[in-house]
Protein backbone atom coordinates (compact mmCIF):
# COMPACT_ATOMS: atom_id res chain seq x y z
CA MET A 1 0.00 0.00 0.00
CA ILE A 2 1.08 3.63 -0.46
CA ILE A 3 0.88 4.22 3.29
CA ALA A 4 3.16 1.33 4.14
CA ALA A 5 5.55 1.87 1.22
CA PRO A 6 5.70 5.56 0.27
CA ARG A 7 8.47 4.87 -2.26
CA ASP A 8 6.40 2.31 -4.14
CA LEU A 9 6.07 4.05 -7.51
CA SER A 10 3.73 1.42 -8.94
CA ALA A 11 1.28 2.08 -6.10
CA ARG A 12 1.52 5.83 -6.63
CA PHE A 13 0.94 5.50 -10.36
CA PHE A 14 -2.05 3.23 -9.69
CA ARG A 15 -3.59 5.78 -7.32
CA ALA A 16 -2.94 8.60 -9.79
CA GLN A 17 -4.62 6.67 -12.62
CA ILE A 18 -7.71 5.98 -10.48
CA LEU A 19 -8.09 9.63 -9.51
CA VAL A 20 -7.61 10.75 -13.13
CA ASP A 21 -10.30 8.28 -14.22
CA LEU A 22 -12.62 9.64 -11.52
CA GLY A 23 -12.10 13.20 -12.74
CA ARG A 24 -10.02 14.13 -9.68
CA GLY A 25 -6.62 14.40 -11.34
CA ASP A 26 -5.96 17.83 -9.82
CA GLU A 27 -5.47 16.08 -6.47
CA VAL A 28 -2.31 14.33 -7.71
CA ARG A 29 -0.99 16.89 -10.18
CA GLU A 30 1.64 18.32 -7.82
CA GLU A 31 2.73 14.84 -6.80
CA LEU A 32 3.20 13.81 -10.44
CA LEU A 33 5.21 16.98 -11.11
CA LEU A 34 7.47 16.11 -8.17
CA MET A 35 7.87 12.54 -9.39
CA SER A 36 8.77 13.82 -12.86
CA SER A 37 11.63 15.81 -11.37
CA LEU A 38 13.19 12.67 -9.89
CA LYS A 39 15.55 10.27 -11.64
CA LEU A 40 12.89 7.87 -12.82
CA SER A 41 13.21 5.22 -15.48
CA THR A 42 12.21 6.11 -19.03
CA ASP A 43 8.98 4.12 -18.69
CA ASP A 44 8.03 5.84 -15.42
CA GLN A 45 8.81 9.26 -16.88
CA ALA A 46 6.49 8.43 -19.78
CA LYS A 47 3.73 7.30 -17.39
CA ALA A 48 3.96 10.54 -15.44
CA ALA A 49 3.89 12.59 -18.67
CA VAL A 50 0.78 10.77 -19.94
CA LEU A 51 -1.09 11.30 -16.66
CA LEU A 52 -0.14 14.98 -16.51
CA ALA A 53 -1.31 15.41 -20.09
CA GLN A 54 -4.65 13.81 -19.18
CA ILE A 55 -5.02 16.15 -16.20
CA ASP A 56 -3.96 19.32 -17.97
CA GLY A 57 -5.14 18.48 -21.45
CA GLY A 58 -1.54 18.91 -22.59
CA ALA A 59 -0.75 22.62 -22.79
CA ASP A 60 -4.37 23.42 -23.57
CA PRO A 61 -6.42 24.95 -20.72
CA PHE A 62 -9.41 23.01 -22.07
CA SER A 63 -9.87 19.27 -21.65
CA GLY A 64 -12.86 17.13 -22.45
CA LYS A 65 -14.08 13.60 -23.00
CA LEU A 66 -16.76 12.22 -25.30
CA THR A 67 -18.15 8.76 -24.54
CA LEU A 68 -20.42 6.57 -26.66
CA LYS A 69 -22.04 3.48 -25.16
CA LEU A 70 -24.42 0.79 -26.39
CA ALA A 71 -25.92 -1.75 -23.98
CA MET A 72 -28.36 -4.62 -24.37
CA GLY A 73 -29.80 -6.87 -21.72
CA TYR A 74 -32.72 -8.23 -19.76
CA ALA A 75 -34.95 -6.84 -17.01
CA ASP A 76 -37.28 -9.09 -15.00
CA ASN A 77 -39.78 -6.45 -13.78
CA VAL A 78 -40.18 -3.63 -16.29
CA ASN A 79 -43.70 -2.88 -15.01
CA ALA A 80 -42.55 -2.47 -11.36
CA TRP A 81 -45.08 -5.07 -10.24
CA PRO A 82 -45.26 -5.53 -6.44
CA LYS A 83 -44.76 -8.86 -4.71
CA ASN A 84 -48.32 -9.10 -3.39
CA GLY A 85 -49.91 -8.63 -6.81
CA THR A 86 -51.78 -5.40 -6.14
CA THR A 87 -50.35 -2.06 -7.10
CA THR A 88 -50.90 1.64 -6.56
CA ALA A 89 -49.61 4.68 -8.43
CA GLY A 90 -49.05 7.64 -6.13
CA GLY A 91 -51.45 6.25 -3.55
CA VAL A 92 -54.21 5.47 -6.08
CA GLU A 93 -55.06 1.75 -6.23
CA LEU A 94 -55.09 0.26 -9.71
CA PRO A 95 -57.30 -2.64 -10.80
CA LEU A 96 -56.00 -6.13 -11.37
CA PRO A 97 -54.51 -7.39 -13.54
CA ASP A 98 -51.82 -4.93 -14.62
CA PRO A 99 -54.07 -2.61 -16.71
CA LEU A 100 -51.42 -2.04 -19.38
CA ASN A 101 -49.97 -5.52 -19.89
CA GLN A 102 -52.98 -7.56 -18.67
CA LYS A 103 -50.85 -9.83 -16.49
CA PHE A 104 -50.97 -10.75 -12.82
CA ASP A 105 -47.21 -10.78 -12.27
CA PRO A 106 -43.97 -8.97 -13.17
CA VAL A 107 -43.30 -8.51 -16.89
CA SER A 108 -39.81 -9.34 -18.15
CA ASP A 109 -38.42 -7.91 -21.36
CA ARG A 110 -35.30 -7.28 -23.40
CA VAL A 111 -33.86 -3.79 -22.94
CA THR A 112 -31.60 -1.72 -25.20
CA GLU A 113 -29.80 1.46 -24.18
CA GLY A 114 -27.77 4.02 -26.11
CA VAL A 115 -25.82 6.69 -24.25
CA VAL A 116 -23.85 9.73 -25.43
CA SER A 117 -22.07 11.90 -22.87
CA PHE A 118 -19.64 14.79 -22.96
CA SER A 119 -17.77 16.34 -20.05
CA GLY A 120 -15.35 19.23 -20.19
CA LYS A 121 -13.17 21.45 -18.06
CA GLN A 122 -11.82 24.92 -18.84
CA MET A 123 -9.04 26.41 -16.73
CA LEU A 124 -9.74 30.05 -15.96
CA ASN A 125 -6.35 31.24 -14.69
CA GLU A 126 -2.63 30.56 -15.17
CA ARG A 127 -2.27 28.91 -11.77
CA ARG A 128 -4.80 26.30 -12.92
CA ASP A 129 -6.60 26.38 -9.59
CA LEU A 130 -9.86 27.86 -10.90
CA ALA A 131 -11.89 26.00 -13.51
CA ALA A 132 -15.31 25.85 -15.14
CA LYS A 133 -16.79 22.36 -15.49
CA PHE A 134 -19.66 21.35 -17.74
CA GLY A 135 -21.31 18.32 -19.25
CA VAL A 136 -24.12 17.09 -21.48
CA SER A 137 -25.55 13.60 -21.76
CA GLY A 138 -28.40 11.80 -23.46
CA LYS A 139 -29.84 8.31 -23.13
CA LEU A 140 -32.39 6.41 -25.20
CA LYS A 141 -33.82 3.28 -23.57
CA GLU A 142 -36.33 0.90 -25.13
CA ALA A 143 -37.96 -2.37 -24.13
CA ALA A 144 -38.64 -4.78 -26.98
CA ASP A 145 -42.24 -5.79 -26.23
CA THR A 146 -43.49 -3.31 -23.62
CA VAL A 147 -43.53 0.45 -23.15
CA ASN A 148 -42.97 0.58 -19.39
CA ALA A 149 -39.20 1.04 -19.66
CA ASP A 150 -39.14 3.24 -22.78
CA GLN A 151 -37.60 6.64 -22.13
CA LYS A 152 -35.55 9.51 -23.49
CA PHE A 153 -33.28 11.29 -21.00
CA LEU A 154 -31.39 14.54 -21.56
CA ALA A 155 -29.21 16.27 -18.96
CA GLY A 156 -26.76 19.12 -18.73
CA ASN A 157 -24.70 20.76 -15.99
CA ILE A 158 -22.32 23.63 -15.47
CA GLY A 159 -20.28 24.64 -12.45
CA ILE A 160 -17.12 26.17 -11.09
CA GLU A 161 -14.31 24.59 -9.08
CA LYS A 162 -11.65 26.28 -6.96
CA GLN A 163 -8.53 24.65 -5.52
CA PHE A 164 -6.99 26.08 -2.34
CA SER A 165 -3.83 25.34 -0.42
CA ALA A 166 -3.73 22.55 2.16
CA GLY A 167 -5.62 20.30 -0.23
CA ILE A 168 -8.99 22.05 0.03
CA MET A 169 -11.37 22.30 -2.92
CA THR A 170 -14.80 23.92 -3.27
CA GLU A 171 -17.32 23.73 -6.09
CA ALA A 172 -20.80 24.88 -7.00
CA GLY A 173 -23.04 24.18 -9.96
CA ILE A 174 -26.45 23.80 -11.53
CA ALA A 175 -27.90 20.82 -13.41
CA LYS A 176 -31.01 20.43 -15.56
CA SER A 177 -32.55 17.20 -16.83
CA ASP A 178 -35.66 16.02 -18.69
CA LEU A 179 -37.04 12.48 -18.59
CA ASN A 180 -39.58 11.75 -21.33
CA ARG A 181 -41.55 8.49 -21.11
CA VAL A 182 -44.63 6.91 -22.66
CA ASN A 183 -47.56 8.64 -20.95
CA ARG A 184 -50.56 6.66 -22.29
CA ARG A 185 -51.06 3.45 -24.22
CA ASN A 186 -54.37 1.81 -25.10
CA ASP A 187 -56.28 4.47 -23.15
CA THR A 188 -54.30 3.60 -20.02
CA ASP A 189 -51.94 5.87 -18.05
CA VAL A 190 -48.35 4.59 -18.05
CA ASN A 191 -45.76 7.07 -16.75
CA SER A 192 -45.41 10.80 -16.23
CA ASP A 193 -42.61 12.90 -17.71
CA VAL A 194 -40.25 14.52 -15.19
CA SER A 195 -38.11 17.67 -15.36
CA MET A 196 -35.52 18.37 -12.70
CA ILE A 197 -33.38 21.37 -11.85
CA LYS A 198 -30.72 21.00 -9.18
CA TYR A 199 -28.40 23.45 -7.45
CA SER A 200 -25.38 22.07 -5.60
CA ALA A 201 -22.40 23.25 -3.58
CA GLY A 202 -19.69 21.30 -1.83
CA THR A 203 -16.20 21.16 -0.44
CA ALA A 204 -13.53 18.50 -0.14
CA VAL A 205 -10.30 18.18 1.80
CA LYS A 206 -7.34 15.85 1.55
CA LEU A 207 -6.64 13.80 4.67
CA PRO A 208 -3.61 11.77 5.78
CA HIS A 209 -3.09 8.34 4.22
CA GLN A 210 -4.28 9.56 0.80
CA MET A 211 -7.92 9.85 1.94
CA ARG A 212 -10.43 12.49 0.84
CA LEU A 213 -13.37 13.80 2.86
CA ALA A 214 -16.15 15.61 0.99
CA TYR A 215 -19.45 17.28 1.82
CA GLN A 216 -22.14 18.28 -0.70
CA PHE A 217 -25.51 19.99 -0.41
CA GLU A 218 -28.14 19.75 -3.15
CA ASN A 219 -31.45 21.52 -3.63
CA ALA A 220 -33.56 19.92 -6.38
CA LYS A 221 -37.00 20.60 -7.82
CA HIS A 222 -38.94 17.84 -9.65
CA ASP A 223 -41.79 18.72 -12.01
CA HIS A 224 -44.08 15.81 -13.09
CA ARG A 225 -46.37 16.27 -16.08
CA ASN A 226 -48.30 14.65 -18.96
CA ARG A 227 -50.14 12.09 -16.87
CA SER A 228 -53.38 12.21 -14.93
CA GLY A 229 -52.59 13.45 -11.42
CA ALA A 230 -48.91 13.98 -12.23
CA ASP A 231 -48.80 17.36 -10.46
CA LEU A 232 -49.46 15.61 -7.14
CA SER A 233 -45.90 14.22 -7.36
CA ASP A 234 -44.22 17.63 -7.83
CA ALA A 235 -41.58 17.94 -5.14
CA LYS A 236 -38.58 19.76 -3.72
CA THR A 237 -35.73 17.76 -2.21
CA LYS A 238 -32.84 19.01 -0.06
CA THR A 239 -29.98 16.54 0.34
CA SER A 240 -26.85 16.61 2.50
CA ARG A 241 -24.15 14.06 1.67
CA LEU A 242 -20.86 13.21 3.43
CA SER A 243 -18.34 10.90 1.77
CA LEU A 244 -14.90 9.48 2.52
CA GLY A 245 -12.75 7.69 -0.03
CA GLY A 246 -9.26 6.65 -0.96
CA PRO A 247 -7.01 3.74 -2.01
CA VAL A 248 -6.87 0.91 0.52
CA HIS A 249 -4.64 -1.42 -1.48
CA GLU A 250 -2.39 -1.25 -4.52
CA THR A 251 -5.34 -2.19 -6.73
CA VAL A 252 -8.42 -1.23 -4.69
CA TYR A 253 -10.19 2.09 -4.19
CA LEU A 254 -13.10 2.46 -1.73
CA ARG A 255 -15.58 5.26 -1.10
CA GLY A 256 -18.36 5.33 1.47
CA SER A 257 -21.06 7.95 1.88
CA LEU A 258 -23.94 8.90 4.15
CA SER A 259 -26.80 11.17 3.14
CA HIS A 260 -30.02 12.66 4.45
CA ALA A 261 -32.75 13.92 2.13
CA ARG A 262 -35.94 15.78 2.94
CA THR A 263 -38.66 15.85 0.28
CA SER A 264 -41.71 18.11 0.41
CA SER A 265 -44.63 18.66 -1.94
CA ASP A 266 -44.32 21.46 -4.49
CA GLN A 267 -48.01 21.43 -5.39
CA ASN A 268 -49.06 24.98 -6.29
CA THR A 269 -52.80 25.09 -5.65
CA ALA A 270 -55.26 26.94 -3.46
CA ILE A 271 -57.45 23.85 -3.19
CA ARG A 272 -56.73 22.47 0.25
CA SER A 273 -57.75 18.87 -0.51
CA VAL A 274 -55.45 18.72 -3.55
CA ALA A 275 -52.55 20.22 -1.58
CA GLU A 276 -53.04 17.63 1.17
CA ASN A 277 -53.07 14.81 -1.41
CA GLY A 278 -49.73 16.05 -2.72
CA LYS A 279 -48.22 16.12 0.75
CA ARG A 280 -49.46 12.61 1.51
CA ARG A 281 -47.92 11.31 -1.69
CA VAL A 282 -44.56 13.09 -1.50
CA ASN A 283 -43.50 14.33 1.94
CA LYS A 284 -40.81 12.11 3.44
CA HIS A 285 -37.36 11.86 5.00
CA ALA A 286 -34.75 9.44 3.63
CA ASN A 287 -31.46 8.32 5.16
CA SER A 288 -28.99 6.49 2.91
CA ALA A 289 -25.66 4.72 3.21
CA SER A 290 -23.62 3.52 0.25
CA LEU A 291 -20.28 1.89 -0.50
CA LEU A 292 -18.41 1.86 -3.81
CA ALA A 293 -15.37 -0.29 -4.64
CA LEU A 294 -13.14 -0.09 -7.71
CA VAL A 295 -10.70 -2.95 -8.34
CA VAL A 296 -8.10 -2.81 -11.11
CA LEU A 297 -7.07 -6.23 -12.42
CA PRO A 298 -4.27 -7.25 -14.82
CA HIS A 299 -4.82 -7.11 -18.59
CA GLN A 300 -6.88 -3.89 -18.56
CA GLN A 301 -9.70 -5.36 -16.49
CA ARG A 302 -11.82 -3.53 -13.90
CA ILE A 303 -14.52 -4.44 -11.44
CA ILE A 304 -16.84 -1.81 -9.93
CA GLY A 305 -19.27 -2.78 -7.20
CA SER A 306 -21.70 -0.71 -5.16
CA ALA A 307 -24.24 -1.25 -2.42
CA THR A 308 -26.85 1.27 -1.22
CA TYR A 309 -29.30 1.09 1.65
CA ARG A 310 -32.05 3.70 1.99
CA HIS A 311 -34.72 4.05 4.69
CA SER A 312 -37.61 6.36 3.74
CA LYS A 313 -40.16 7.64 6.27
CA TYR A 314 -43.34 9.24 4.92
CA THR A 315 -44.64 11.99 7.17
CA ARG A 316 -48.26 12.18 5.92
CA GLN A 317 -48.95 8.87 4.19
CA TYR A 318 -50.57 6.24 6.40
CA VAL A 319 -50.95 2.51 5.69
CA ASN A 320 -53.26 2.02 8.68
CA VAL A 321 -54.74 4.09 11.48
CA GLY A 322 -51.83 5.95 13.08
CA LYS A 323 -49.23 3.94 11.13
CA ARG A 324 -47.07 5.89 8.68
CA ARG A 325 -45.56 4.32 5.58
CA ARG A 326 -41.95 3.12 5.81
CA ASP A 327 -39.83 1.86 2.90
CA LYS A 328 -36.46 0.09 3.11
CA THR A 329 -34.62 -0.13 -0.21
CA GLN A 330 -31.46 -2.07 -1.03
CA ILE A 331 -29.67 -1.62 -4.35
CA TYR A 332 -26.70 -3.76 -5.38
CA ALA A 333 -24.69 -3.36 -8.58
CA LEU A 334 -21.67 -5.20 -9.92
CA GLY A 335 -19.88 -4.38 -13.16
CA TYR A 336 -16.95 -5.95 -14.98
CA SER A 337 -15.15 -4.42 -17.96
CA ILE A 338 -12.13 -5.19 -20.14
CA ASP A 339 -10.35 -3.33 -22.93
CA GLY A 340 -11.04 -4.90 -26.32
CA GLY A 341 -7.34 -4.69 -27.15
CA GLN A 342 -6.87 -7.77 -24.99
CA PHE A 343 -8.71 -9.74 -27.70
CA MET A 344 -7.43 -8.10 -30.88
CA PRO A 345 -5.58 -4.85 -31.70
CA GLU A 346 -8.49 -3.50 -33.78
CA LEU A 347 -10.68 -3.37 -30.64
CA GLU A 348 -8.23 -1.34 -28.57
CA LYS A 349 -9.88 1.46 -26.52
CA ILE A 350 -13.30 -0.16 -26.81
CA ARG A 351 -14.41 -1.36 -23.38
CA PHE A 352 -16.69 -4.35 -23.13
CA GLY A 353 -18.72 -4.75 -19.95
CA PHE A 354 -21.19 -6.91 -18.11
CA ASP A 355 -23.34 -5.34 -15.39
CA ILE A 356 -25.78 -6.81 -12.89
CA SER A 357 -28.10 -4.78 -10.65
CA HIS A 358 -30.65 -5.87 -8.06
CA ALA A 359 -33.13 -3.47 -6.41
CA ARG A 360 -35.30 -4.62 -3.52
CA THR A 361 -37.83 -2.50 -1.61
CA ASN A 362 -39.53 -3.79 1.53
CA SER A 363 -42.38 -1.70 2.89
CA ASN A 364 -45.29 -1.77 5.31
CA GLN A 365 -47.38 -0.71 2.30
CA ALA A 366 -47.76 -3.93 0.34
CA SER A 367 -48.03 -2.23 -3.04
CA ALA A 368 -44.56 -0.71 -2.58
CA GLU A 369 -42.79 -4.08 -2.15
CA ILE A 370 -41.04 -4.18 -5.52
CA HIS A 371 -38.08 -6.37 -6.49
CA SER A 372 -36.22 -6.19 -9.80
CA LYS A 373 -33.05 -7.47 -11.50
CA THR A 374 -31.29 -6.23 -14.61
CA TYR A 375 -28.47 -7.81 -16.64
CA MET A 376 -26.69 -5.77 -19.32
CA LEU A 377 -23.90 -6.33 -21.87
CA SER A 378 -22.23 -3.17 -23.17
CA ALA A 379 -19.57 -1.71 -25.43
CA SER A 380 -18.24 1.82 -24.99
CA ARG A 381 -15.63 4.09 -26.53
CA SER A 382 -14.22 7.31 -25.08
CA PHE A 383 -12.44 10.08 -26.97
CA ASP A 384 -10.20 12.69 -25.32
CA LEU A 385 -10.85 16.15 -26.78
């Protein structure tokens, strides 16, 4: 480990590569400059030069990355069907069977996704400690035989980042996204469309033993539309998140986080009964804990795993007399990827992946007990700009 062997250059290069891949290359820029000034081997000098070029975008104050991804797979519950066989949408009970698919159980289907994303960074001063960050992404998702999972997603963000001495960094930004889904099919409501605008601010500090502690606050507004009763789900959410991460082994990076979110209805109406319905549907507190692990294997292989636990407490929604709704959600994801160059030179820089995710919600409201699994194969290609 770096802590136990500070002169282990391979460990330092590994850590630097991870942070560069995570978009946090500025944290190791000074260290790489210092390493470059030492009497390193030709190979190590080249490694340091490549990493510095990735961080700085060469001599150009602008750096960016364009990524294209295509994924295909299988989902076992595209209609979000609950375990007990009865379902509600926003507190409104729906008839059996599933009114859209006319089935009494979860609907499985093949799923295809296409993703295009761009992220960029523009240095704003010669010291390279002040930068503007921005990004745009789009996703098209379709299920082969059903419309439940079909969606178009567009998102964009812009922000500013400032590096200070003693390893302190602050940032602030704004993000906007639009989720467009199938609203009606065969005279039946399916999904609402959702627009979101989010303001965020945060700070991070380097700690001993190569660790990083970060805090972020987010204020988001969600606007539901194009479905009967969609406005009842309009909401504002304030989230505080604390995270701690760093390398724990020569090939392993870990990051854990805790968060608290408070969601309240954003229903703009003078009709008291409608306003109360919105509060019953939306108002809640949610506490979450998550862990992410990145493992770098030989031959350009990587494994990324994550686990999230979330406990949501509704403040105005009751499942029985005097008994408020409580949801406990567990989400597990595991992904493996390898560079195509390991198979043939023509596939170099194309990453092939296999991802598994499992979401499980247990609740004292039977209609909210939803379990689902997804399996996806993917190919992606990134271009440095």
